[in-house]
Structure formats: structure tokens, C-alpha cells
């Protein structure tokens, strides 16, 4: 069995090559390997120390270590679509809030164009997601299970969910004059007649 531990997604490529060659592979947890090394009183950290410790880690625990399995390409694509949509929705919220803020007049046209572009891309990602679900039987089955839960459904074609304000949020804010509290005139002060006592 081959083992690897390395951040940045490179272990998946290495383990994939080992699996293609017919070898069992395990992607080790870096924290567990580090604790395994320290259990022998070794505090140093070099490539040689890590390599020897990883080999011993696999030799002693290979019977219970889970074998690495290649990731499903459809699930990877779905994850990328959902993460990108989440980023675009967050950008749209920020853009809509800035557009609705006082003093946004000079940049209203530019922000409106950005908002329109974000709406179009979010809708395009939703369409790609639905197409991916239709093309993948496991994903379609999982989607039906999740959407069977009350309150969960497909993403709307346009960002009108509670997490993404509707286009109404982009309406221009009321003018300062409309928000100004009306000033009531003070009641006239009574004027005392000559020789009369002051009414105050």
C-alpha cells in the first residue's frame, strides 16, 4: 500500500496514479501523522523524518487505514458550480447594498451593469446545475432526496431568495427631502394688553 500526505490537492493526483497502476493507496491525515511522529519523542521535522514515519505509519496501521477512492467527476463539477454560485450571490448582495445606499447616484449606471451581469451568471450556473443533475443518475437521486425535505428546492433562475435580495433592493433610495421630518410652526405667543397682567 502506498501512502501520501501533502496539502494543496497534490495527494489526489499521486494516489490516482497509484490506483491506476493497481496499487492500494491511502491519503494520510497530516495531524495524525504528526502526532504519530511525536509519540516516539521526535520533535524535528525534515523530509527524511517524515518519509520514515509515514512508511512506519502505513506498515503498522495498513489493515485499518481506509483506501483512497478517486473522486466522482460529476460531484466535483457540482461542487465547483455551487461554490462559484455562492461567491457570485455574495457579490450581488454587496453590489445591491451599495446601489441602495445614499450617494450612489454617480455610480448607479456602473453598479446596475454589474448587477445585471451577476444576475445573468447566477442564472447560467443554475441552468448548468440542472443539466448536470439530469445527466447524472446518482446526483439526480441525491437531489430528489434532498429536495424532498420541506423547505428545500431548486435554486431560482434569478437571485430572489432570502439570501439574495431581489431587484427591489436596487431601487434608488428616497430623497433626503422625503425622509425629512416636517417642522411644525410654534404656536403664537399671547400678547398682553396695555395695563393687563402678563398671561405667562
Protein backbone atom coordinates (compact mmCIF):
# COMPACT_ATOMS: atom_id res chain seq x y z
CA UNK A 1 0.00 0.00 0.00
CA UNK A 2 1.23 3.49 -0.86
CA UNK A 3 0.63 6.43 1.44
CA UNK A 4 0.95 10.16 0.96
CA UNK A 5 0.30 13.31 2.93
CA UNK A 6 0.62 16.72 1.34
CA UNK A 7 -1.59 19.84 1.18
CA UNK A 8 -2.80 21.55 -1.94
CA UNK A 9 -4.63 18.73 -3.71
CA UNK A 10 -1.44 17.01 -4.93
CA UNK A 11 -2.08 13.80 -2.93
CA UNK A 12 -5.20 13.14 -5.00
CA UNK A 13 -3.17 13.17 -8.21
CA UNK A 14 -0.48 10.92 -6.72
CA UNK A 15 -2.98 8.49 -5.24
CA UNK A 16 -4.85 8.45 -8.53
CA UNK A 17 -1.74 7.34 -10.38
CA UNK A 18 -1.14 4.58 -7.82
CA UNK A 19 -4.72 3.33 -8.13
CA UNK A 20 -4.41 3.32 -11.92
CA UNK A 21 -1.27 1.19 -11.51
CA UNK A 22 -3.21 -1.33 -9.42
CA UNK A 23 -1.77 -0.30 -6.03
CA UNK A 24 -3.81 0.44 -2.93
CA UNK A 25 -3.37 4.00 -1.69
CA UNK A 26 -4.14 5.92 1.49
CA UNK A 27 -4.23 9.67 1.95
CA UNK A 28 -2.97 10.20 5.47
CA UNK A 29 -4.15 12.94 7.78
CA UNK A 30 -1.19 15.27 8.40
CA UNK A 31 -2.21 15.87 12.02
CA UNK A 32 -2.39 12.15 12.77
CA UNK A 33 0.98 11.52 11.17
CA UNK A 34 2.50 14.41 13.13
CA UNK A 35 1.08 13.02 16.38
CA UNK A 36 2.42 9.58 15.40
CA UNK A 37 5.91 11.03 14.96
CA UNK A 38 5.78 12.88 18.27
CA UNK A 39 4.69 9.69 20.06
CA UNK A 40 8.28 8.46 19.54
CA UNK A 41 9.70 11.63 21.08
CA UNK A 42 10.82 13.02 17.72
CA UNK A 43 10.39 16.78 17.63
CA UNK A 44 12.39 17.54 14.49
CA UNK A 45 10.83 17.91 11.08
CA UNK A 46 12.66 17.03 7.89
CA UNK A 47 11.69 15.26 4.70
CA UNK A 48 13.67 12.21 5.77
CA UNK A 49 11.95 12.05 9.17
CA UNK A 50 8.51 12.45 7.58
CA UNK A 51 9.18 9.79 4.94
CA UNK A 52 10.37 7.21 7.50
CA UNK A 53 7.49 7.99 9.85
CA UNK A 54 4.93 7.76 7.04
CA UNK A 55 6.33 4.38 5.97
CA UNK A 56 6.15 3.09 9.53
CA UNK A 57 2.67 4.58 9.97
CA UNK A 58 1.45 2.62 6.95
CA UNK A 59 3.27 -0.56 7.97
CA UNK A 60 1.72 -0.63 11.45
CA UNK A 61 -1.81 0.51 10.55
CA UNK A 62 -2.36 -0.58 6.95
CA UNK A 63 -5.01 -3.13 7.96
CA UNK A 64 -7.32 -0.41 9.35
CA UNK A 65 -6.47 2.52 7.07
CA UNK A 66 -9.19 3.44 4.54
CA UNK A 67 -8.22 3.03 0.91
CA UNK A 68 -8.28 6.13 -1.23
CA UNK A 69 -11.02 6.25 -3.85
CA UNK A 70 -11.00 8.57 -6.86
CA UNK A 71 -13.42 11.46 -6.67
CA UNK A 72 -16.51 11.43 -8.85
CA UNK A 73 -16.10 13.92 -11.71
CA UNK A 74 -19.78 14.90 -11.66
CA UNK A 75 -19.70 15.65 -7.93
CA UNK A 76 -16.52 17.69 -8.36
CA UNK A 77 -18.21 19.74 -11.08
CA UNK A 78 -21.31 20.23 -8.93
CA UNK A 79 -19.16 21.40 -6.03
CA UNK A 80 -17.38 23.95 -8.22
CA UNK A 81 -20.70 25.24 -9.55
CA UNK A 82 -22.16 25.62 -6.06
CA UNK A 83 -19.08 27.31 -4.62
CA UNK A 84 -18.94 29.73 -7.56
CA UNK A 85 -22.66 30.49 -7.23
CA UNK A 86 -22.21 31.19 -3.53
CA UNK A 87 -19.41 33.68 -4.33
CA UNK A 88 -21.49 35.40 -7.01
CA UNK A 89 -24.51 35.67 -4.71
CA UNK A 90 -22.32 37.29 -2.04
CA UNK A 91 -21.01 39.76 -4.64
CA UNK A 92 -24.56 40.53 -5.74
CA UNK A 93 -25.65 41.23 -2.17
CA UNK A 94 -22.74 43.64 -1.73
CA UNK A 95 -23.46 45.32 -5.08
CA UNK A 96 -27.18 45.68 -4.35
CA UNK A 97 -26.47 47.13 -0.89
CA UNK A 98 -24.05 49.67 -2.35
CA UNK A 99 -26.55 50.55 -5.07
CA UNK A 100 -29.27 51.16 -2.47
CA UNK A 101 -27.03 53.24 -0.22
CA UNK A 102 -27.31 57.02 -0.12
CA UNK A 103 -24.99 58.83 -2.50
CA UNK A 104 -24.86 56.01 -5.08
CA UNK A 105 -26.05 58.28 -7.87
CA UNK A 106 -22.69 58.82 -9.60
CA UNK A 107 -22.06 55.05 -9.88
CA UNK A 108 -25.65 53.86 -10.32
CA UNK A 109 -25.17 53.07 -14.01
CA UNK A 110 -21.98 51.10 -13.39
CA UNK A 111 -23.37 49.16 -10.44
CA UNK A 112 -26.52 48.41 -12.40
CA UNK A 113 -24.43 46.87 -15.18
CA UNK A 114 -22.52 44.75 -12.66
CA UNK A 115 -25.78 43.67 -11.02
CA UNK A 116 -27.22 42.67 -14.39
CA UNK A 117 -24.10 40.64 -15.21
CA UNK A 118 -24.21 38.86 -11.84
CA UNK A 119 -27.88 38.01 -12.34
CA UNK A 120 -27.13 36.53 -15.76
CA UNK A 121 -24.22 34.41 -14.49
CA UNK A 122 -26.13 33.15 -11.46
CA UNK A 123 -28.97 32.09 -13.75
CA UNK A 124 -26.48 30.40 -16.11
CA UNK A 125 -24.95 28.45 -13.22
CA UNK A 126 -28.43 27.35 -12.14
CA UNK A 127 -29.10 26.10 -15.67
CA UNK A 128 -25.78 24.22 -15.78
CA UNK A 129 -26.55 22.69 -12.39
CA UNK A 130 -29.93 21.39 -13.52
CA UNK A 131 -28.36 19.99 -16.70
CA UNK A 132 -25.70 18.22 -14.62
CA UNK A 133 -28.34 16.71 -12.34
CA UNK A 134 -30.28 15.42 -15.34
CA UNK A 135 -27.15 13.84 -16.80
CA UNK A 136 -26.01 12.09 -13.60
CA UNK A 137 -28.26 9.40 -12.17
CA UNK A 138 -26.59 9.33 -8.69
CA UNK A 139 -26.74 13.11 -8.40
CA UNK A 140 -30.34 13.21 -9.61
CA UNK A 141 -31.29 10.61 -6.98
CA UNK A 142 -29.49 12.56 -4.25
CA UNK A 143 -31.15 15.80 -5.40
CA UNK A 144 -34.61 14.22 -5.24
CA UNK A 145 -33.90 13.00 -1.71
CA UNK A 146 -32.69 16.39 -0.52
CA UNK A 147 -35.45 18.32 -2.27
CA UNK A 148 -38.00 16.02 -0.66
CA UNK A 149 -37.25 17.76 2.63
CA UNK A 150 -39.70 20.55 3.41
CA UNK A 151 -38.25 23.97 2.68
CA UNK A 152 -35.57 22.76 0.24
CA UNK A 153 -35.96 23.13 -3.51
CA UNK A 154 -34.08 24.00 -6.67
CA UNK A 155 -32.32 27.34 -6.91
CA UNK A 156 -34.47 30.01 -8.60
CA UNK A 157 -33.33 31.16 -12.04
CA UNK A 158 -32.89 34.67 -10.71
CA UNK A 159 -31.46 35.60 -7.30
CA UNK A 160 -34.71 36.22 -5.44
CA UNK A 161 -34.08 34.04 -2.40
CA UNK A 162 -33.79 35.36 1.18
CA UNK A 163 -30.00 35.14 0.88
CA UNK A 164 -30.02 37.23 -2.26
CA UNK A 165 -32.07 40.43 -2.39
CA UNK A 166 -34.46 40.93 -5.26
CA UNK A 167 -34.23 43.69 -7.76
CA UNK A 168 -36.38 45.79 -5.47
CA UNK A 169 -33.34 46.23 -3.28
CA UNK A 170 -31.67 48.06 -6.14
CA UNK A 171 -34.31 50.78 -6.29
CA UNK A 172 -32.96 54.26 -5.62
CA UNK A 173 -33.25 55.34 -2.01
CA UNK A 174 -35.76 58.01 -1.05
CA UNK A 175 -34.56 61.55 -1.37
CA UNK A 176 -33.40 63.35 1.75
CA UNK A 177 -36.36 65.68 1.43
CA UNK A 178 -38.84 62.80 1.66
CA UNK A 179 -37.14 61.50 4.81
CA UNK A 180 -37.07 64.91 6.46
CA UNK A 181 -39.38 65.32 9.45
CA UNK A 182 -41.85 68.18 8.86
CA UNK A 183 -41.23 71.17 11.05
CA UNK A 184 -44.34 72.40 12.86
CA UNK A 185 -44.78 76.07 13.42
CA UNK A 186 -44.66 77.18 17.03
CA UNK A 187 -47.98 78.49 18.44
CA UNK A 188 -48.19 82.28 18.63
CA UNK A 189 -47.32 83.82 21.96
CA UNK A 190 -50.18 85.77 23.57
CA UNK A 191 -49.58 89.49 23.76
CA UNK A 192 -50.82 91.19 26.91
CA UNK A 193 -53.00 94.31 26.51
CA UNK A 194 -51.64 97.55 27.93
CA UNK A 195 -52.13 97.65 31.67
CA UNK A 196 -53.09 93.94 31.87
CA UNK A 197 -51.15 91.33 33.76
CA UNK A 198 -48.70 89.18 31.83
CA UNK A 199 -50.54 85.90 30.99
CA UNK A 200 -47.30 83.92 31.38
